[in-house]
Structure formats: structure tokens, C-alpha cells
Amino acid sequence: MSLSTCKNCHENISVTSKICSECGEERSAPKYQKIIIVTMILITAFGLWLIFSDNGANSRNIQQLSIQDGVAKDYSIINQVNYSSDNTERIKIYILSTAAIRKEDRAATVQTAAEAYLYSQRADEVTALLEISEIAAGKGNPLAIAIYTPNTCINGEDRCDEPMWQIESSDQRFTAQEITIMEKWYIFKDSYKEDHRKISEDGFRISIAKKIHIPAKDVSIPVIIRKKITG
């Protein structure tokens, strides 16, 4: 049986005894037990703080940033680009959503995509772009854009009061032919750029017209006009 010394009468007593059998002095818990108890309390308190602070932040953002009459539709992420700098995690994601047709629904969809991706990756800023097609992705002509920066101070102390959301959206709809023309335009432009060749816009139109068998006068790139939703 393991023994320890009573601090009061200095008699040997069992380490499991809570009271000294000789003098009746109560024994305090060993130092290592106190350390373990305090550590467990601190870990539990920290865990609860993380849970409630995250939940509070999420609910606060959702309440502040609901798009009027907008319903987020199913989407898929087709590409992502990390352009982080200065210890700030910034990510762009490109998404497709055939169900998001209305301006409000497109805005709600990019908002949902940006928020979900930011929290899943613990990034500082996420930009979500709703594209017409996978080929057109990243060409600077998205249907909707959402930039989500929960802590705008990362852009400078003088910008801390800026809105955490910047959202733009369009309600334009395009025919299958218009989308095909846009895709062919980007494909031709990229191929000529790689070969260091120059060609006029009329040359592009003629080349595309021959590819899809339509008059050259019918070849034009749709210009997407987005309206500011918030930010």
C-alpha cells in the first residue's frame, strides 16, 4: 500500500485516505490532480466558447445578408483559385447552377457558395462567381458575383467600416447559340494568344460563323450587365 506523510502530524497514512487517521486533518488533493482538473475546465470552457461564438457569427451573418426574394439553388464548384498574400487567405471559386435563373436567385446562390466555402476552408475572403459555362469561366463575364469578407479590416484599418458583402447579379438569359458563340470566341481567342497571332474581331466572327454554320453578322458576344445587390 502506498503511503504519504500527513502535513499536520507527520504520520504515515494511505495515499487514498481523505482524512488522517491519527489527527483527523483533511488531506488536500495532490498537486497533479489539481492541475488536471483546472486543465479540463479550461479546455471545456474554450470549446464552448468556440461553439457559441461560431454559431453566433453564422446566425448574425445570415440575418444581415438575406437576399430579398432570393432562393439559393443547387450549384457545383468547377474551379478554385487561391490568391492569398500577406498572411491573408483569399480564394476565388467558380460555380455553375442551371437552376439559378432569376437575378435574386443568382445573388442568393453566389452568397451561399461564398459563405459555405469561407467557413469550410477558414479563409479570410472568398469570391464566388456564377459562370455561364465551364469554358466561359474566369473570362470576366460572370452572371453573378459575391465577395465575402467577414473582417474587412484585412484590407486596411481605414476600410474596417466597409460592408462585409459585395454582391452583383444579372437576370439576363441566353440561348444555346449565344452560349456556343461565347465559348467559341474564348477558345479562338486563347488559341491565337498562345500562338502569338493577331486577328481582328471581324476575323473572329468569320471563323466562328464557319464553325457553327451561321452568318457572320449573327456572331456577337453577349455583354452581361450585373446590378448591384448589396455592398
C-alpha atoms as a PDB file:
ATOM      1  CA  MET A   1       0.000   0.000   0.000  1.00  0.00           C
ATOM      2  CA  SER A   2       1.346   3.416  -0.996  1.00  0.00           C
ATOM      3  CA  LEU A   3       1.853   5.832   1.868  1.00  0.00           C
ATOM      4  CA  SER A   4       2.213   9.567   2.209  1.00  0.00           C
ATOM      5  CA  THR A   5       3.007  11.865   5.134  1.00  0.00           C
ATOM      6  CA  CYS A   6       0.342  13.939   6.884  1.00  0.00           C
ATOM      7  CA  LYS A   7       1.320  17.601   6.720  1.00  0.00           C
ATOM      8  CA  ASN A   8      -0.119  18.222  10.191  1.00  0.00           C
ATOM      9  CA  CYS A   9       1.139  15.339  12.398  1.00  0.00           C
ATOM     10  CA  HIS A  10       3.711  13.848  10.001  1.00  0.00           C
ATOM     11  CA  GLU A  11       2.362  10.303  10.433  1.00  0.00           C
ATOM     12  CA  ASN A  12       2.333   7.889   7.525  1.00  0.00           C
ATOM     13  CA  ILE A  13      -1.135   7.442   6.002  1.00  0.00           C
ATOM     14  CA  SER A  14      -2.551   5.823   2.865  1.00  0.00           C
ATOM     15  CA  VAL A  15      -2.478   7.969  -0.258  1.00  0.00           C
ATOM     16  CA  THR A  16      -6.135   7.107  -0.796  1.00  0.00           C
ATOM     17  CA  SER A  17      -7.211   8.428   2.622  1.00  0.00           C
ATOM     18  CA  LYS A  18      -9.004  11.746   2.577  1.00  0.00           C
ATOM     19  CA  ILE A  19      -8.627  12.225   6.358  1.00  0.00           C
ATOM     20  CA  CYS A  20      -5.570  11.482   8.525  1.00  0.00           C
ATOM     21  CA  SER A  21      -6.397   8.545  10.844  1.00  0.00           C
ATOM     22  CA  GLU A  22      -4.103   9.988  13.532  1.00  0.00           C
ATOM     23  CA  CYS A  23      -5.061  13.662  13.818  1.00  0.00           C
ATOM     24  CA  GLY A  24      -8.181  13.963  11.654  1.00  0.00           C
ATOM     25  CA  GLU A  25      -6.614  16.520   9.304  1.00  0.00           C
ATOM     26  CA  GLU A  26      -8.287  16.613   5.869  1.00  0.00           C
ATOM     27  CA  ARG A  27      -5.872  15.893   3.060  1.00  0.00           C
ATOM     28  CA  SER A  28      -5.878  18.191   0.033  1.00  0.00           C
ATOM     29  CA  ALA A  29      -5.854  16.704  -3.452  1.00  0.00           C
ATOM     30  CA  PRO A  30      -2.383  16.063  -4.875  1.00  0.00           C
ATOM     31  CA  LYS A  31      -0.979  18.885  -6.962  1.00  0.00           C
ATOM     32  CA  TYR A  32      -1.100  16.883 -10.195  1.00  0.00           C
ATOM     33  CA  GLN A  33      -4.819  16.223  -9.667  1.00  0.00           C
ATOM     34  CA  LYS A  34      -5.476  19.926  -9.256  1.00  0.00           C
ATOM     35  CA  ILE A  35      -3.571  20.645 -12.460  1.00  0.00           C
ATOM     36  CA  ILE A  36      -5.610  18.048 -14.368  1.00  0.00           C
ATOM     37  CA  ILE A  37      -8.902  19.421 -13.053  1.00  0.00           C
ATOM     38  CA  VAL A  38      -8.005  23.014 -13.916  1.00  0.00           C
ATOM     39  CA  THR A  39      -6.797  21.981 -17.383  1.00  0.00           C
ATOM     40  CA  MET A  40     -10.030  20.089 -18.104  1.00  0.00           C
ATOM     41  CA  ILE A  41     -12.107  23.090 -17.009  1.00  0.00           C
ATOM     42  CA  LEU A  42     -10.133  25.426 -19.287  1.00  0.00           C
ATOM     43  CA  ILE A  43     -10.390  23.077 -22.290  1.00  0.00           C
ATOM     44  CA  THR A  44     -14.147  22.685 -21.775  1.00  0.00           C
ATOM     45  CA  ALA A  45     -14.650  26.427 -21.436  1.00  0.00           C
ATOM     46  CA  PHE A  46     -12.605  27.124 -24.583  1.00  0.00           C
ATOM     47  CA  GLY A  47     -14.545  24.520 -26.556  1.00  0.00           C
ATOM     48  CA  LEU A  48     -17.876  26.008 -25.508  1.00  0.00           C
ATOM     49  CA  TRP A  49     -16.648  29.487 -26.419  1.00  0.00           C
ATOM     50  CA  LEU A  50     -15.696  28.314 -29.934  1.00  0.00           C
ATOM     51  CA  ILE A  51     -19.050  26.628 -30.478  1.00  0.00           C
ATOM     52  CA  PHE A  52     -21.174  29.526 -29.323  1.00  0.00           C
ATOM     53  CA  SER A  53     -19.042  32.208 -30.978  1.00  0.00           C
ATOM     54  CA  ASP A  54     -19.175  30.417 -34.354  1.00  0.00           C
ATOM     55  CA  ASN A  55     -22.902  29.827 -34.084  1.00  0.00           C
ATOM     56  CA  GLY A  56     -23.453  33.431 -33.117  1.00  0.00           C
ATOM     57  CA  ALA A  57     -21.384  34.700 -36.026  1.00  0.00           C
ATOM     58  CA  ASN A  58     -23.126  32.417 -38.517  1.00  0.00           C
ATOM     59  CA  SER A  59     -26.627  33.343 -37.393  1.00  0.00           C
ATOM     60  CA  ARG A  60     -25.686  37.021 -37.336  1.00  0.00           C
ATOM     61  CA  ASN A  61     -24.391  36.892 -40.921  1.00  0.00           C
ATOM     62  CA  ILE A  62     -27.447  35.007 -42.179  1.00  0.00           C
ATOM     63  CA  GLN A  63     -29.793  37.553 -40.632  1.00  0.00           C
ATOM     64  CA  GLN A  64     -27.912  40.513 -42.068  1.00  0.00           C
ATOM     65  CA  LEU A  65     -27.335  39.158 -45.546  1.00  0.00           C
ATOM     66  CA  SER A  66     -30.550  37.531 -46.691  1.00  0.00           C
ATOM     67  CA  ILE A  67     -31.338  38.410 -50.308  1.00  0.00           C
ATOM     68  CA  GLN A  68     -34.909  39.629 -50.638  1.00  0.00           C
ATOM     69  CA  ASP A  69     -36.986  37.165 -52.708  1.00  0.00           C
ATOM     70  CA  GLY A  70     -33.813  35.192 -53.459  1.00  0.00           C
ATOM     71  CA  VAL A  71     -33.566  31.418 -53.121  1.00  0.00           C
ATOM     72  CA  ALA A  72     -30.171  29.745 -53.306  1.00  0.00           C
ATOM     73  CA  LYS A  73     -30.168  26.981 -55.911  1.00  0.00           C
ATOM     74  CA  ASP A  74     -28.031  23.859 -56.223  1.00  0.00           C
ATOM     75  CA  TYR A  75     -24.597  24.606 -57.609  1.00  0.00           C
ATOM     76  CA  SER A  76     -21.321  22.886 -58.384  1.00  0.00           C
ATOM     77  CA  ILE A  77     -17.813  24.249 -57.975  1.00  0.00           C
ATOM     78  CA  ILE A  78     -15.854  23.868 -61.213  1.00  0.00           C
ATOM     79  CA  ASN A  79     -12.644  25.636 -60.247  1.00  0.00           C
ATOM     80  CA  GLN A  80     -10.924  27.486 -57.442  1.00  0.00           C
ATOM     81  CA  VAL A  81      -8.009  29.891 -57.373  1.00  0.00           C
ATOM     82  CA  ASN A  82      -6.024  30.833 -54.277  1.00  0.00           C
ATOM     83  CA  TYR A  83      -4.598  34.342 -54.483  1.00  0.00           C
ATOM     84  CA  SER A  84      -3.580  34.773 -50.870  1.00  0.00           C
ATOM     85  CA  SER A  85      -0.991  37.349 -49.798  1.00  0.00           C
ATOM     86  CA  ASP A  86       0.380  38.930 -46.616  1.00  0.00           C
ATOM     87  CA  ASN A  87      -0.933  36.124 -44.386  1.00  0.00           C
ATOM     88  CA  THR A  88      -4.455  36.719 -45.707  1.00  0.00           C
ATOM     89  CA  GLU A  89      -6.280  33.738 -47.182  1.00  0.00           C
ATOM     90  CA  ARG A  90      -8.199  34.846 -50.281  1.00  0.00           C
ATOM     91  CA  ILE A  91      -9.887  32.369 -52.615  1.00  0.00           C
ATOM     92  CA  LYS A  92     -11.965  32.617 -55.793  1.00  0.00           C
ATOM     93  CA  ILE A  93     -14.422  29.863 -56.651  1.00  0.00           C
ATOM     94  CA  TYR A  94     -16.182  29.426 -59.978  1.00  0.00           C
ATOM     95  CA  ILE A  95     -19.591  27.786 -59.871  1.00  0.00           C
ATOM     96  CA  LEU A  96     -22.342  26.608 -62.222  1.00  0.00           C
ATOM     97  CA  SER A  97     -26.057  26.497 -61.450  1.00  0.00           C
ATOM     98  CA  THR A  98     -28.550  25.807 -64.226  1.00  0.00           C
ATOM     99  CA  ALA A  99     -31.433  26.307 -61.783  1.00  0.00           C
ATOM    100  CA  ALA A 100     -30.436  29.875 -60.835  1.00  0.00           C
ATOM    101  CA  ILE A 101     -32.229  31.964 -63.448  1.00  0.00           C
ATOM    102  CA  ARG A 102     -33.700  34.951 -61.622  1.00  0.00           C
ATOM    103  CA  LYS A 103     -31.407  37.780 -60.571  1.00  0.00           C
ATOM    104  CA  GLU A 104     -32.352  37.301 -56.916  1.00  0.00           C
ATOM    105  CA  ASP A 105     -31.771  33.548 -57.032  1.00  0.00           C
ATOM    106  CA  ARG A 106     -28.383  34.004 -58.676  1.00  0.00           C
ATOM    107  CA  ALA A 107     -27.408  36.501 -55.969  1.00  0.00           C
ATOM    108  CA  ALA A 108     -28.547  34.131 -53.213  1.00  0.00           C
ATOM    109  CA  THR A 109     -26.673  31.245 -54.842  1.00  0.00           C
ATOM    110  CA  VAL A 110     -23.296  33.017 -55.027  1.00  0.00           C
ATOM    111  CA  GLN A 111     -23.852  34.317 -51.497  1.00  0.00           C
ATOM    112  CA  THR A 112     -24.448  30.799 -50.182  1.00  0.00           C
ATOM    113  CA  ALA A 113     -21.470  29.417 -52.114  1.00  0.00           C
ATOM    114  CA  ALA A 114     -19.105  32.119 -50.819  1.00  0.00           C
ATOM    115  CA  GLU A 115     -20.226  31.779 -47.208  1.00  0.00           C
ATOM    116  CA  ALA A 116     -20.122  27.975 -47.178  1.00  0.00           C
ATOM    117  CA  TYR A 117     -16.673  27.855 -48.774  1.00  0.00           C
ATOM    118  CA  LEU A 118     -15.225  30.504 -46.478  1.00  0.00           C
ATOM    119  CA  TYR A 119     -16.269  28.659 -43.330  1.00  0.00           C
ATOM    120  CA  SER A 120     -15.247  25.243 -44.667  1.00  0.00           C
ATOM    121  CA  GLN A 121     -11.767  26.499 -45.589  1.00  0.00           C
ATOM    122  CA  ARG A 122     -11.444  29.064 -42.763  1.00  0.00           C
ATOM    123  CA  ALA A 123     -10.436  31.657 -45.335  1.00  0.00           C
ATOM    124  CA  ASP A 124     -10.404  35.416 -44.788  1.00  0.00           C
ATOM    125  CA  GLU A 125     -12.144  36.280 -48.046  1.00  0.00           C
ATOM    126  CA  VAL A 126     -13.977  34.281 -50.708  1.00  0.00           C
ATOM    127  CA  THR A 127     -15.203  35.487 -54.086  1.00  0.00           C
ATOM    128  CA  ALA A 128     -17.857  33.311 -55.732  1.00  0.00           C
ATOM    129  CA  LEU A 129     -18.561  33.749 -59.450  1.00  0.00           C
ATOM    130  CA  LEU A 130     -21.561  32.181 -61.171  1.00  0.00           C
ATOM    131  CA  GLU A 131     -20.487  31.398 -64.733  1.00  0.00           C
ATOM    132  CA  ILE A 132     -22.472  30.770 -67.913  1.00  0.00           C
ATOM    133  CA  SER A 133     -20.489  27.636 -68.708  1.00  0.00           C
ATOM    134  CA  GLU A 134     -17.283  25.880 -67.768  1.00  0.00           C
ATOM    135  CA  ILE A 135     -15.497  27.154 -70.889  1.00  0.00           C
ATOM    136  CA  ALA A 136     -16.515  30.738 -70.127  1.00  0.00           C
ATOM    137  CA  ALA A 137     -15.363  30.504 -66.508  1.00  0.00           C
ATOM    138  CA  GLY A 138     -12.728  33.020 -65.497  1.00  0.00           C
ATOM    139  CA  LYS A 139     -13.128  35.148 -68.631  1.00  0.00           C
ATOM    140  CA  GLY A 140     -14.549  38.119 -66.761  1.00  0.00           C
ATOM    141  CA  ASN A 141     -18.181  37.708 -67.801  1.00  0.00           C
ATOM    142  CA  PRO A 142     -19.996  36.041 -64.862  1.00  0.00           C
ATOM    143  CA  LEU A 143     -23.736  36.109 -64.269  1.00  0.00           C
ATOM    144  CA  ALA A 144     -23.306  36.968 -60.588  1.00  0.00           C
ATOM    145  CA  ILE A 145     -20.501  37.785 -58.148  1.00  0.00           C
ATOM    146  CA  ALA A 146     -20.340  37.673 -54.366  1.00  0.00           C
ATOM    147  CA  ILE A 147     -17.292  38.845 -52.405  1.00  0.00           C
ATOM    148  CA  TYR A 148     -17.468  37.856 -48.747  1.00  0.00           C
ATOM    149  CA  THR A 149     -15.036  39.468 -46.279  1.00  0.00           C
ATOM    150  CA  PRO A 150     -16.272  38.991 -42.683  1.00  0.00           C
ATOM    151  CA  ASN A 151     -13.383  41.074 -41.327  1.00  0.00           C
ATOM    152  CA  THR A 152     -12.925  43.955 -43.747  1.00  0.00           C
ATOM    153  CA  CYS A 153     -10.020  45.278 -41.666  1.00  0.00           C
ATOM    154  CA  ILE A 154      -7.785  42.822 -43.547  1.00  0.00           C
ATOM    155  CA  ASN A 155      -7.926  45.327 -46.414  1.00  0.00           C
ATOM    156  CA  GLY A 156      -6.569  48.110 -44.190  1.00  0.00           C
ATOM    157  CA  GLU A 157      -7.565  49.811 -40.952  1.00  0.00           C
ATOM    158  CA  ASP A 158      -9.195  52.612 -42.940  1.00  0.00           C
ATOM    159  CA  ARG A 159     -11.561  50.066 -44.532  1.00  0.00           C
ATOM    160  CA  CYS A 160     -12.905  48.412 -41.386  1.00  0.00           C
ATOM    161  CA  ASP A 161     -16.296  50.064 -41.850  1.00  0.00           C
ATOM    162  CA  GLU A 162     -16.784  48.687 -45.354  1.00  0.00           C
ATOM    163  CA  PRO A 163     -19.607  46.145 -45.883  1.00  0.00           C
ATOM    164  CA  MET A 164     -18.642  42.500 -45.497  1.00  0.00           C
ATOM    165  CA  TRP A 165     -20.630  41.590 -48.631  1.00  0.00           C
ATOM    166  CA  GLN A 166     -20.359  42.876 -52.195  1.00  0.00           C
ATOM    167  CA  ILE A 167     -22.904  41.210 -54.467  1.00  0.00           C
ATOM    168  CA  GLU A 168     -23.837  41.859 -58.092  1.00  0.00           C
ATOM    169  CA  SER A 169     -26.230  39.847 -60.220  1.00  0.00           C
ATOM    170  CA  SER A 170     -27.866  39.740 -63.653  1.00  0.00           C
ATOM    171  CA  ASP A 171     -31.210  38.372 -64.794  1.00  0.00           C
ATOM    172  CA  GLN A 172     -30.140  38.041 -68.432  1.00  0.00           C
ATOM    173  CA  ARG A 173     -30.868  34.748 -70.158  1.00  0.00           C
ATOM    174  CA  PHE A 174     -29.020  33.362 -73.140  1.00  0.00           C
ATOM    175  CA  THR A 175     -29.908  30.957 -75.896  1.00  0.00           C
ATOM    176  CA  ALA A 176     -27.870  27.840 -76.584  1.00  0.00           C
ATOM    177  CA  GLN A 177     -26.497  29.527 -79.718  1.00  0.00           C
ATOM    178  CA  GLU A 178     -25.398  32.614 -77.809  1.00  0.00           C
ATOM    179  CA  ILE A 179     -23.583  30.440 -75.269  1.00  0.00           C
ATOM    180  CA  THR A 180     -21.915  28.455 -78.063  1.00  0.00           C
ATOM    181  CA  ILE A 181     -20.761  31.668 -79.742  1.00  0.00           C
ATOM    182  CA  MET A 182     -19.328  32.924 -76.460  1.00  0.00           C
ATOM    183  CA  GLU A 183     -17.464  29.649 -75.864  1.00  0.00           C
ATOM    184  CA  LYS A 184     -16.075  29.561 -79.406  1.00  0.00           C
ATOM    185  CA  TRP A 185     -14.980  33.172 -79.061  1.00  0.00           C
ATOM    186  CA  TYR A 186     -12.968  32.398 -75.931  1.00  0.00           C
ATOM    187  CA  ILE A 187     -11.497  29.231 -77.454  1.00  0.00           C
ATOM    188  CA  PHE A 188     -10.381  31.029 -80.619  1.00  0.00           C
ATOM    189  CA  LYS A 189      -9.015  33.970 -78.640  1.00  0.00           C
ATOM    190  CA  ASP A 190      -6.981  31.706 -76.335  1.00  0.00           C
ATOM    191  CA  SER A 191      -5.575  29.688 -79.233  1.00  0.00           C
ATOM    192  CA  TYR A 192      -4.473  32.786 -81.113  1.00  0.00           C
ATOM    193  CA  LYS A 193      -2.934  34.210 -77.965  1.00  0.00           C
ATOM    194  CA  GLU A 194      -0.922  31.014 -77.404  1.00  0.00           C
ATOM    195  CA  ASP A 195       0.345  31.110 -80.996  1.00  0.00           C
ATOM    196  CA  HIS A 196       1.156  34.837 -80.673  1.00  0.00           C
ATOM    197  CA  ARG A 197      -1.061  35.556 -83.664  1.00  0.00           C
ATOM    198  CA  LYS A 198      -3.165  38.647 -84.069  1.00  0.00           C
ATOM    199  CA  ILE A 199      -6.623  38.710 -85.595  1.00  0.00           C
ATOM    200  CA  SER A 200      -9.339  41.324 -85.749  1.00  0.00           C
ATOM    201  CA  GLU A 201     -12.764  40.905 -84.228  1.00  0.00           C
ATOM    202  CA  ASP A 202     -14.172  40.546 -87.734  1.00  0.00           C
ATOM    203  CA  GLY A 203     -11.745  37.685 -88.237  1.00  0.00           C
ATOM    204  CA  PHE A 204     -13.047  36.014 -85.095  1.00  0.00           C
ATOM    205  CA  ARG A 205     -16.632  36.420 -86.284  1.00  0.00           C
ATOM    206  CA  ILE A 206     -15.890  34.866 -89.654  1.00  0.00           C
ATOM    207  CA  SER A 207     -14.052  31.920 -88.067  1.00  0.00           C
ATOM    208  CA  ILE A 208     -16.845  31.266 -85.561  1.00  0.00           C
ATOM    209  CA  ALA A 209     -19.551  31.638 -88.199  1.00  0.00           C
ATOM    210  CA  LYS A 210     -17.893  28.951 -90.307  1.00  0.00           C
ATOM    211  CA  LYS A 211     -17.579  26.631 -87.305  1.00  0.00           C
ATOM    212  CA  ILE A 212     -21.236  26.755 -86.288  1.00  0.00           C
ATOM    213  CA  HIS A 213     -22.684  27.424 -89.779  1.00  0.00           C
ATOM    214  CA  ILE A 214     -24.364  30.779 -89.249  1.00  0.00           C
ATOM    215  CA  PRO A 215     -23.959  34.176 -90.937  1.00  0.00           C
ATOM    216  CA  ALA A 216     -21.031  36.209 -89.626  1.00  0.00           C
ATOM    217  CA  LYS A 217     -23.398  39.107 -88.877  1.00  0.00           C
ATOM    218  CA  ASP A 218     -25.144  36.928 -86.250  1.00  0.00           C
ATOM    219  CA  VAL A 219     -21.928  36.385 -84.292  1.00  0.00           C
ATOM    220  CA  SER A 220     -21.676  38.695 -81.295  1.00  0.00           C
ATOM    221  CA  ILE A 221     -20.520  38.310 -77.733  1.00  0.00           C
ATOM    222  CA  PRO A 222     -23.310  38.925 -75.212  1.00  0.00           C
ATOM    223  CA  VAL A 223     -22.432  41.605 -72.684  1.00  0.00           C
ATOM    224  CA  ILE A 224     -23.583  40.699 -69.188  1.00  0.00           C
ATOM    225  CA  ILE A 225     -24.842  43.678 -67.209  1.00  0.00           C
ATOM    226  CA  ARG A 226     -24.954  42.980 -63.476  1.00  0.00           C
ATOM    227  CA  LYS A 227     -26.811  45.109 -60.976  1.00  0.00           C
ATOM    228  CA  LYS A 228     -25.524  45.876 -57.510  1.00  0.00           C
ATOM    229  CA  ILE A 229     -27.430  43.928 -54.877  1.00  0.00           C
ATOM    230  CA  THR A 230     -25.502  44.931 -51.786  1.00  0.00           C
ATOM    231  CA  GLY A 231     -22.120  46.303 -50.789  1.00  0.00           C
END
